[in-house]
Amino acid sequence: MDFCRTTYHVVQQGDTFYRLAQRYQTTVPDIIRRNPGINPYNLQVGTRLRICNGHENHNNSKEEMDLNNDMRMAWSRHNFWDAMSKISQLYNLANTDAVMERLMQTPEEIASIFAKFYPQSTVNQLQQLLTEHVRLAGELIAAHKNDSADRMEQVENQLNQNADQTARMLANANANYEYDDLRRMLRKHLELMRNSMMATTNGEHTEAVRMMDENDALLMELADALTNGLVEQFYQR
């Protein structure tokens, strides 16, 4: 999926993917790829679609493309090692410590991408928030294994607060970031992470894998949104 200018379209009566592809100068397959879980044959009025707007696209510089690739890779690695750690912890695998150690490196990898643009204090704050997210996710798994519903609810509340703080911190750093959009994506990431964990322990492995794929697509949307914001703020047009 190419880096592009993203438009968010709210479905109106009579909209179809074909008509939207013509309107925004893109293709139906591209709209489908960018909106996993949306049935193209049964669009619901009010649904929010992510569309690569051909009217606004331009020849991105190599520097911008490299930035987007780095951002996507960092978030994809986070999702991969998060999924691996969940499985390792749930089944008490011998590689649990090694996998957790690798997962704990991903906050620094993500935060380091922002180091080119923001003061170190901002980068450190982002890394601390992401590290807290990873730590709390591990505590959520432990509470689930211990069958502690009260502790799970407590940790879930802390995870949601952490997501909100992360979204607010990024929106404060960059006026091109929409707090509500970032909050939505970060909270959806938590929801999918939790639900895939529950599906795994319930033996619903196909559903767990589907949600892991959906989470990866979501984090690619987040990575693209973060890249777009940096390009708008720091690259001259």
C-alpha atoms as a PDB file:
ATOM      1  CA  MET A   1       0.000   0.000   0.000  1.00  0.00           C
ATOM      2  CA  ASP A   2       1.553   3.299  -1.100  1.00  0.00           C
ATOM      3  CA  PHE A   3       1.969   6.364   1.061  1.00  0.00           C
ATOM      4  CA  CYS A   4      -0.686   8.859   0.001  1.00  0.00           C
ATOM      5  CA  ARG A   5      -2.857  11.755   1.037  1.00  0.00           C
ATOM      6  CA  THR A   6      -5.651  10.248   3.099  1.00  0.00           C
ATOM      7  CA  THR A   7      -9.269  11.410   2.943  1.00  0.00           C
ATOM      8  CA  TYR A   8     -11.936  10.207   5.361  1.00  0.00           C
ATOM      9  CA  HIS A   9     -15.339   9.868   3.671  1.00  0.00           C
ATOM     10  CA  VAL A  10     -18.591   9.326   5.553  1.00  0.00           C
ATOM     11  CA  VAL A  11     -20.869   7.092   3.500  1.00  0.00           C
ATOM     12  CA  GLN A  12     -23.985   8.805   2.161  1.00  0.00           C
ATOM     13  CA  GLN A  13     -27.131   7.323   0.641  1.00  0.00           C
ATOM     14  CA  GLY A  14     -26.343   6.022  -2.847  1.00  0.00           C
ATOM     15  CA  ASP A  15     -22.561   5.747  -2.333  1.00  0.00           C
ATOM     16  CA  THR A  16     -20.788   2.747  -3.851  1.00  0.00           C
ATOM     17  CA  PHE A  17     -17.096   1.887  -3.925  1.00  0.00           C
ATOM     18  CA  TYR A  18     -17.151   2.353  -7.706  1.00  0.00           C
ATOM     19  CA  ARG A  19     -18.584   5.874  -7.452  1.00  0.00           C
ATOM     20  CA  LEU A  20     -16.179   6.775  -4.654  1.00  0.00           C
ATOM     21  CA  ALA A  21     -13.229   5.472  -6.686  1.00  0.00           C
ATOM     22  CA  GLN A  22     -14.235   7.771  -9.549  1.00  0.00           C
ATOM     23  CA  ARG A  23     -14.811  10.719  -7.232  1.00  0.00           C
ATOM     24  CA  TYR A  24     -11.445  10.432  -5.488  1.00  0.00           C
ATOM     25  CA  GLN A  25      -9.451   9.186  -8.506  1.00  0.00           C
ATOM     26  CA  THR A  26      -8.490   5.869  -6.971  1.00  0.00           C
ATOM     27  CA  THR A  27      -9.523   2.230  -7.468  1.00  0.00           C
ATOM     28  CA  VAL A  28     -12.098  -0.047  -5.877  1.00  0.00           C
ATOM     29  CA  PRO A  29      -9.451  -2.647  -4.809  1.00  0.00           C
ATOM     30  CA  ASP A  30      -7.446   0.113  -3.091  1.00  0.00           C
ATOM     31  CA  ILE A  31     -10.510   1.313  -1.141  1.00  0.00           C
ATOM     32  CA  ILE A  32     -11.221  -2.284  -0.094  1.00  0.00           C
ATOM     33  CA  ARG A  33      -7.609  -2.800   1.103  1.00  0.00           C
ATOM     34  CA  ARG A  34      -7.697   0.361   3.175  1.00  0.00           C
ATOM     35  CA  ASN A  35     -10.993  -0.531   4.855  1.00  0.00           C
ATOM     36  CA  PRO A  36     -10.774  -4.115   6.132  1.00  0.00           C
ATOM     37  CA  GLY A  37     -14.005  -5.498   7.489  1.00  0.00           C
ATOM     38  CA  ILE A  38     -16.231  -3.250   5.342  1.00  0.00           C
ATOM     39  CA  ASN A  39     -18.599  -5.140   3.035  1.00  0.00           C
ATOM     40  CA  PRO A  40     -18.418  -3.316  -0.341  1.00  0.00           C
ATOM     41  CA  TYR A  41     -21.798  -4.762  -1.345  1.00  0.00           C
ATOM     42  CA  ASN A  42     -23.609  -3.543   1.765  1.00  0.00           C
ATOM     43  CA  LEU A  43     -22.344  -0.066   2.609  1.00  0.00           C
ATOM     44  CA  GLN A  44     -24.032   1.425   5.647  1.00  0.00           C
ATOM     45  CA  VAL A  45     -24.853   5.141   5.734  1.00  0.00           C
ATOM     46  CA  GLY A  46     -22.593   6.848   8.276  1.00  0.00           C
ATOM     47  CA  THR A  47     -19.704   4.398   7.881  1.00  0.00           C
ATOM     48  CA  ARG A  48     -16.323   6.154   7.881  1.00  0.00           C
ATOM     49  CA  LEU A  49     -14.050   5.104   5.004  1.00  0.00           C
ATOM     50  CA  ARG A  50     -10.331   5.735   4.591  1.00  0.00           C
ATOM     51  CA  ILE A  51      -9.526   6.667   0.975  1.00  0.00           C
ATOM     52  CA  CYS A  52      -6.269   7.466  -0.809  1.00  0.00           C
ATOM     53  CA  ASN A  53      -7.221  10.690  -2.567  1.00  0.00           C
ATOM     54  CA  GLY A  54      -5.780  10.758  -6.083  1.00  0.00           C
ATOM     55  CA  HIS A  55      -6.661  14.438  -6.465  1.00  0.00           C
ATOM     56  CA  GLU A  56      -4.213  15.327  -3.710  1.00  0.00           C
ATOM     57  CA  ASN A  57      -1.426  12.858  -4.428  1.00  0.00           C
ATOM     58  CA  HIS A  58       1.957  14.012  -5.640  1.00  0.00           C
ATOM     59  CA  ASN A  59       5.339  12.507  -6.268  1.00  0.00           C
ATOM     60  CA  ASN A  60       6.575  11.886  -2.764  1.00  0.00           C
ATOM     61  CA  SER A  61      10.259  12.443  -2.185  1.00  0.00           C
ATOM     62  CA  LYS A  62      12.486   9.505  -1.299  1.00  0.00           C
ATOM     63  CA  GLU A  63      12.916  11.018   2.163  1.00  0.00           C
ATOM     64  CA  GLU A  64       9.155  11.014   2.716  1.00  0.00           C
ATOM     65  CA  MET A  65       8.791   7.473   1.399  1.00  0.00           C
ATOM     66  CA  ASP A  66      11.616   6.289   3.666  1.00  0.00           C
ATOM     67  CA  LEU A  67       9.914   7.963   6.617  1.00  0.00           C
ATOM     68  CA  ASN A  68       6.657   6.158   5.863  1.00  0.00           C
ATOM     69  CA  ASN A  69       8.419   2.819   5.411  1.00  0.00           C
ATOM     70  CA  ASP A  70      10.259   3.254   8.725  1.00  0.00           C
ATOM     71  CA  MET A  71       7.035   4.201  10.502  1.00  0.00           C
ATOM     72  CA  ARG A  72       5.138   1.235   9.097  1.00  0.00           C
ATOM     73  CA  MET A  73       7.959  -1.190   9.893  1.00  0.00           C
ATOM     74  CA  ALA A  74       8.207   0.002  13.506  1.00  0.00           C
ATOM     75  CA  TRP A  75       4.483  -0.377  14.166  1.00  0.00           C
ATOM     76  CA  SER A  76       4.329  -3.702  12.323  1.00  0.00           C
ATOM     77  CA  ARG A  77       7.152  -5.048  14.490  1.00  0.00           C
ATOM     78  CA  HIS A  78       5.307  -3.866  17.577  1.00  0.00           C
ATOM     79  CA  ASN A  79       2.184  -5.757  16.491  1.00  0.00           C
ATOM     80  CA  PHE A  80       4.160  -8.898  15.623  1.00  0.00           C
ATOM     81  CA  TRP A  81       6.077  -9.108  18.895  1.00  0.00           C
ATOM     82  CA  ASP A  82       2.966  -8.166  20.870  1.00  0.00           C
ATOM     83  CA  ALA A  83       1.147 -11.139  19.310  1.00  0.00           C
ATOM     84  CA  MET A  84       4.135 -13.413  19.919  1.00  0.00           C
ATOM     85  CA  SER A  85       4.394 -12.359  23.563  1.00  0.00           C
ATOM     86  CA  LYS A  86       0.696 -12.960  24.125  1.00  0.00           C
ATOM     87  CA  ILE A  87       0.984 -16.548  22.874  1.00  0.00           C
ATOM     88  CA  SER A  88       4.198 -17.151  24.823  1.00  0.00           C
ATOM     89  CA  GLN A  89       2.698 -15.861  28.069  1.00  0.00           C
ATOM     90  CA  LEU A  90      -0.634 -17.646  27.688  1.00  0.00           C
ATOM     91  CA  TYR A  91       1.001 -21.017  27.056  1.00  0.00           C
ATOM     92  CA  ASN A  92       4.043 -20.561  29.336  1.00  0.00           C
ATOM     93  CA  LEU A  93       6.470 -21.145  26.465  1.00  0.00           C
ATOM     94  CA  ALA A  94      10.207 -21.344  27.077  1.00  0.00           C
ATOM     95  CA  ASN A  95      10.817 -18.294  24.879  1.00  0.00           C
ATOM     96  CA  THR A  96       8.630 -15.958  26.958  1.00  0.00           C
ATOM     97  CA  ASP A  97      11.477 -13.911  28.478  1.00  0.00           C
ATOM     98  CA  ALA A  98      13.295 -13.524  25.152  1.00  0.00           C
ATOM     99  CA  VAL A  99      10.109 -12.493  23.335  1.00  0.00           C
ATOM    100  CA  MET A 100       9.179  -9.992  26.043  1.00  0.00           C
ATOM    101  CA  GLU A 101      12.665  -8.506  25.904  1.00  0.00           C
ATOM    102  CA  ARG A 102      12.277  -8.015  22.145  1.00  0.00           C
ATOM    103  CA  LEU A 103       8.797  -6.510  22.539  1.00  0.00           C
ATOM    104  CA  MET A 104      10.143  -3.997  25.063  1.00  0.00           C
ATOM    105  CA  GLN A 105      12.477  -2.648  22.355  1.00  0.00           C
ATOM    106  CA  THR A 106       9.606  -1.577  20.105  1.00  0.00           C
ATOM    107  CA  PRO A 107       8.660   1.610  22.011  1.00  0.00           C
ATOM    108  CA  GLU A 108      12.186   2.953  21.476  1.00  0.00           C
ATOM    109  CA  GLU A 109      12.071   1.959  17.798  1.00  0.00           C
ATOM    110  CA  ILE A 110       8.827   3.865  17.272  1.00  0.00           C
ATOM    111  CA  ALA A 111       9.868   6.892  19.323  1.00  0.00           C
ATOM    112  CA  SER A 112      13.250   7.135  17.565  1.00  0.00           C
ATOM    113  CA  ILE A 113      11.485   7.933  14.261  1.00  0.00           C
ATOM    114  CA  PHE A 114      10.221  11.156  15.842  1.00  0.00           C
ATOM    115  CA  ALA A 115      13.709  12.118  17.092  1.00  0.00           C
ATOM    116  CA  LYS A 116      14.530  13.806  13.781  1.00  0.00           C
ATOM    117  CA  PHE A 117      11.633  16.221  14.260  1.00  0.00           C
ATOM    118  CA  TYR A 118      11.036  16.847  17.959  1.00  0.00           C
ATOM    119  CA  PRO A 119      13.066  17.690  21.082  1.00  0.00           C
ATOM    120  CA  GLN A 120      14.436  14.751  23.044  1.00  0.00           C
ATOM    121  CA  SER A 121      12.032  15.512  25.878  1.00  0.00           C
ATOM    122  CA  THR A 122       9.095  14.887  23.518  1.00  0.00           C
ATOM    123  CA  VAL A 123      10.675  11.702  22.173  1.00  0.00           C
ATOM    124  CA  ASN A 124      11.304  10.466  25.714  1.00  0.00           C
ATOM    125  CA  GLN A 125       7.690  11.164  26.705  1.00  0.00           C
ATOM    126  CA  LEU A 126       6.406   9.171  23.736  1.00  0.00           C
ATOM    127  CA  GLN A 127       8.745   6.276  24.510  1.00  0.00           C
ATOM    128  CA  GLN A 128       7.649   6.254  28.161  1.00  0.00           C
ATOM    129  CA  LEU A 129       3.972   6.136  27.176  1.00  0.00           C
ATOM    130  CA  LEU A 130       4.537   3.301  24.716  1.00  0.00           C
ATOM    131  CA  THR A 131       6.637   1.394  27.249  1.00  0.00           C
ATOM    132  CA  GLU A 132       3.811   1.758  29.760  1.00  0.00           C
ATOM    133  CA  HIS A 133       1.421   0.405  27.137  1.00  0.00           C
ATOM    134  CA  VAL A 134       3.584  -2.707  26.699  1.00  0.00           C
ATOM    135  CA  ARG A 135       3.927  -3.211  30.455  1.00  0.00           C
ATOM    136  CA  LEU A 136       0.186  -2.910  31.033  1.00  0.00           C
ATOM    137  CA  ALA A 137      -0.572  -5.290  28.165  1.00  0.00           C
ATOM    138  CA  GLY A 138       1.576  -7.885  29.931  1.00  0.00           C
ATOM    139  CA  GLU A 139      -0.316  -7.274  33.171  1.00  0.00           C
ATOM    140  CA  LEU A 140      -3.613  -7.754  31.338  1.00  0.00           C
ATOM    141  CA  ILE A 141      -2.498 -11.189  30.160  1.00  0.00           C
ATOM    142  CA  ALA A 142      -1.350 -12.103  33.670  1.00  0.00           C
ATOM    143  CA  ALA A 143      -4.722 -11.029  35.130  1.00  0.00           C
ATOM    144  CA  HIS A 144      -6.530 -13.095  32.513  1.00  0.00           C
ATOM    145  CA  LYS A 145      -4.405 -16.157  33.299  1.00  0.00           C
ATOM    146  CA  ASN A 146      -5.181 -15.686  37.001  1.00  0.00           C
ATOM    147  CA  ASP A 147      -8.891 -15.413  36.192  1.00  0.00           C
ATOM    148  CA  SER A 148      -9.043 -12.065  37.990  1.00  0.00           C
ATOM    149  CA  ALA A 149     -11.910 -10.097  36.433  1.00  0.00           C
ATOM    150  CA  ASP A 150     -11.457  -7.135  38.784  1.00  0.00           C
ATOM    151  CA  ARG A 151      -7.770  -6.812  37.952  1.00  0.00           C
ATOM    152  CA  MET A 152      -8.497  -7.129  34.241  1.00  0.00           C
ATOM    153  CA  GLU A 153     -10.992  -4.275  34.418  1.00  0.00           C
ATOM    154  CA  GLN A 154      -8.496  -2.152  36.337  1.00  0.00           C
ATOM    155  CA  VAL A 155      -5.722  -2.766  33.805  1.00  0.00           C
ATOM    156  CA  GLU A 156      -8.047  -2.170  30.851  1.00  0.00           C
ATOM    157  CA  ASN A 157      -8.955   1.226  32.301  1.00  0.00           C
ATOM    158  CA  GLN A 158      -5.268   2.032  32.688  1.00  0.00           C
ATOM    159  CA  LEU A 159      -4.587   0.954  29.097  1.00  0.00           C
ATOM    160  CA  ASN A 160      -7.361   3.205  27.807  1.00  0.00           C
ATOM    161  CA  GLN A 161      -6.030   6.122  29.850  1.00  0.00           C
ATOM    162  CA  ASN A 162      -2.573   5.466  28.420  1.00  0.00           C
ATOM    163  CA  ALA A 163      -3.992   5.464  24.866  1.00  0.00           C
ATOM    164  CA  ASP A 164      -5.738   8.773  25.506  1.00  0.00           C
ATOM    165  CA  GLN A 165      -2.560  10.292  26.957  1.00  0.00           C
ATOM    166  CA  THR A 166      -0.554   9.126  23.953  1.00  0.00           C
ATOM    167  CA  ALA A 167      -3.086  10.592  21.518  1.00  0.00           C
ATOM    168  CA  ARG A 168      -3.159  13.876  23.423  1.00  0.00           C
ATOM    169  CA  MET A 169       0.626  14.097  23.608  1.00  0.00           C
ATOM    170  CA  LEU A 170       0.965  13.583  19.835  1.00  0.00           C
ATOM    171  CA  ALA A 171      -1.849  16.025  19.033  1.00  0.00           C
ATOM    172  CA  ASN A 172      -0.208  18.647  21.233  1.00  0.00           C
ATOM    173  CA  ALA A 173       3.091  18.158  19.399  1.00  0.00           C
ATOM    174  CA  ASN A 174       1.595  18.383  15.904  1.00  0.00           C
ATOM    175  CA  ALA A 175      -1.460  20.426  14.914  1.00  0.00           C
ATOM    176  CA  ASN A 176      -1.982  18.129  11.918  1.00  0.00           C
ATOM    177  CA  TYR A 177      -2.802  15.212  14.238  1.00  0.00           C
ATOM    178  CA  GLU A 178      -6.464  14.888  15.186  1.00  0.00           C
ATOM    179  CA  TYR A 179      -6.769  13.781  18.804  1.00  0.00           C
ATOM    180  CA  ASP A 180     -10.054  11.959  18.192  1.00  0.00           C
ATOM    181  CA  ASP A 181      -8.628  10.012  15.233  1.00  0.00           C
ATOM    182  CA  LEU A 182      -5.512   8.948  17.126  1.00  0.00           C
ATOM    183  CA  ARG A 183      -7.553   8.040  20.196  1.00  0.00           C
ATOM    184  CA  ARG A 184      -9.921   5.957  18.079  1.00  0.00           C
ATOM    185  CA  MET A 185      -7.083   3.994  16.478  1.00  0.00           C
ATOM    186  CA  LEU A 186      -5.151   3.444  19.703  1.00  0.00           C
ATOM    187  CA  ARG A 187      -8.254   2.290  21.582  1.00  0.00           C
ATOM    188  CA  LYS A 188      -9.254   0.004  18.705  1.00  0.00           C
ATOM    189  CA  HIS A 189      -5.750  -1.494  18.867  1.00  0.00           C
ATOM    190  CA  LEU A 190      -6.369  -2.295  22.546  1.00  0.00           C
ATOM    191  CA  GLU A 191      -9.786  -3.787  21.807  1.00  0.00           C
ATOM    192  CA  LEU A 192      -8.395  -6.073  19.114  1.00  0.00           C
ATOM    193  CA  MET A 193      -5.445  -7.034  21.307  1.00  0.00           C
ATOM    194  CA  ARG A 194      -7.774  -8.005  24.165  1.00  0.00           C
ATOM    195  CA  ASN A 195     -10.294  -9.821  21.978  1.00  0.00           C
ATOM    196  CA  SER A 196      -7.644 -11.829  20.150  1.00  0.00           C
ATOM    197  CA  MET A 197      -6.274 -12.887  23.542  1.00  0.00           C
ATOM    198  CA  MET A 198      -9.730 -14.052  24.616  1.00  0.00           C
ATOM    199  CA  ALA A 199     -10.265 -15.880  21.315  1.00  0.00           C
ATOM    200  CA  THR A 200      -6.919 -17.643  21.683  1.00  0.00           C
ATOM    201  CA  THR A 201      -7.709 -18.932  25.169  1.00  0.00           C
ATOM    202  CA  ASN A 202     -11.165 -20.029  24.014  1.00  0.00           C
ATOM    203  CA  GLY A 203      -9.645 -22.091  21.214  1.00  0.00           C
ATOM    204  CA  GLU A 204     -11.093 -19.798  18.524  1.00  0.00           C
ATOM    205  CA  HIS A 205      -7.791 -19.687  16.666  1.00  0.00           C
ATOM    206  CA  THR A 206      -9.151 -18.668  13.248  1.00  0.00           C
ATOM    207  CA  GLU A 207     -10.895 -15.683  14.821  1.00  0.00           C
ATOM    208  CA  ALA A 208      -7.783 -14.795  16.812  1.00  0.00           C
ATOM    209  CA  VAL A 209      -5.690 -14.778  13.639  1.00  0.00           C
ATOM    210  CA  ARG A 210      -8.298 -12.672  11.828  1.00  0.00           C
ATOM    211  CA  MET A 211      -8.192 -10.059  14.595  1.00  0.00           C
ATOM    212  CA  MET A 212      -4.381 -10.031  14.537  1.00  0.00           C
ATOM    213  CA  ASP A 213      -4.558  -9.256  10.807  1.00  0.00           C
ATOM    214  CA  GLU A 214      -7.128  -6.540  11.452  1.00  0.00           C
ATOM    215  CA  ASN A 215      -4.861  -5.074  14.126  1.00  0.00           C
ATOM    216  CA  ASP A 216      -1.961  -4.985  11.688  1.00  0.00           C
ATOM    217  CA  ALA A 217      -4.089  -3.148   9.101  1.00  0.00           C
ATOM    218  CA  LEU A 218      -5.202  -0.705  11.795  1.00  0.00           C
ATOM    219  CA  LEU A 219      -1.620   0.027  12.848  1.00  0.00           C
ATOM    220  CA  MET A 220      -0.662   0.625   9.202  1.00  0.00           C
ATOM    221  CA  GLU A 221      -3.467   3.204   9.110  1.00  0.00           C
ATOM    222  CA  LEU A 222      -1.995   4.756  12.258  1.00  0.00           C
ATOM    223  CA  ALA A 223       1.518   4.720  10.783  1.00  0.00           C
ATOM    224  CA  ASP A 224       0.297   6.464   7.626  1.00  0.00           C
ATOM    225  CA  ALA A 225      -1.577   9.081   9.656  1.00  0.00           C
ATOM    226  CA  LEU A 226       1.528   9.769  11.754  1.00  0.00           C
ATOM    227  CA  THR A 227       3.657  10.056   8.617  1.00  0.00           C
ATOM    228  CA  ASN A 228       1.181  12.411   6.965  1.00  0.00           C
ATOM    229  CA  GLY A 229       1.248  14.669  10.011  1.00  0.00           C
ATOM    230  CA  LEU A 230       5.040  14.840  10.053  1.00  0.00           C
ATOM    231  CA  VAL A 231       5.184  15.585   6.328  1.00  0.00           C
ATOM    232  CA  GLU A 232       2.608  18.380   6.680  1.00  0.00           C
ATOM    233  CA  GLN A 233       4.451  19.891   9.638  1.00  0.00           C
ATOM    234  CA  PHE A 234       8.062  19.640   8.523  1.00  0.00           C
ATOM    235  CA  TYR A 235       8.314  19.183   4.749  1.00  0.00           C
ATOM    236  CA  GLN A 236       7.862  22.184   2.507  1.00  0.00           C
ATOM    237  CA  ARG A 237       5.245  21.806  -0.195  1.00  0.00           C
END
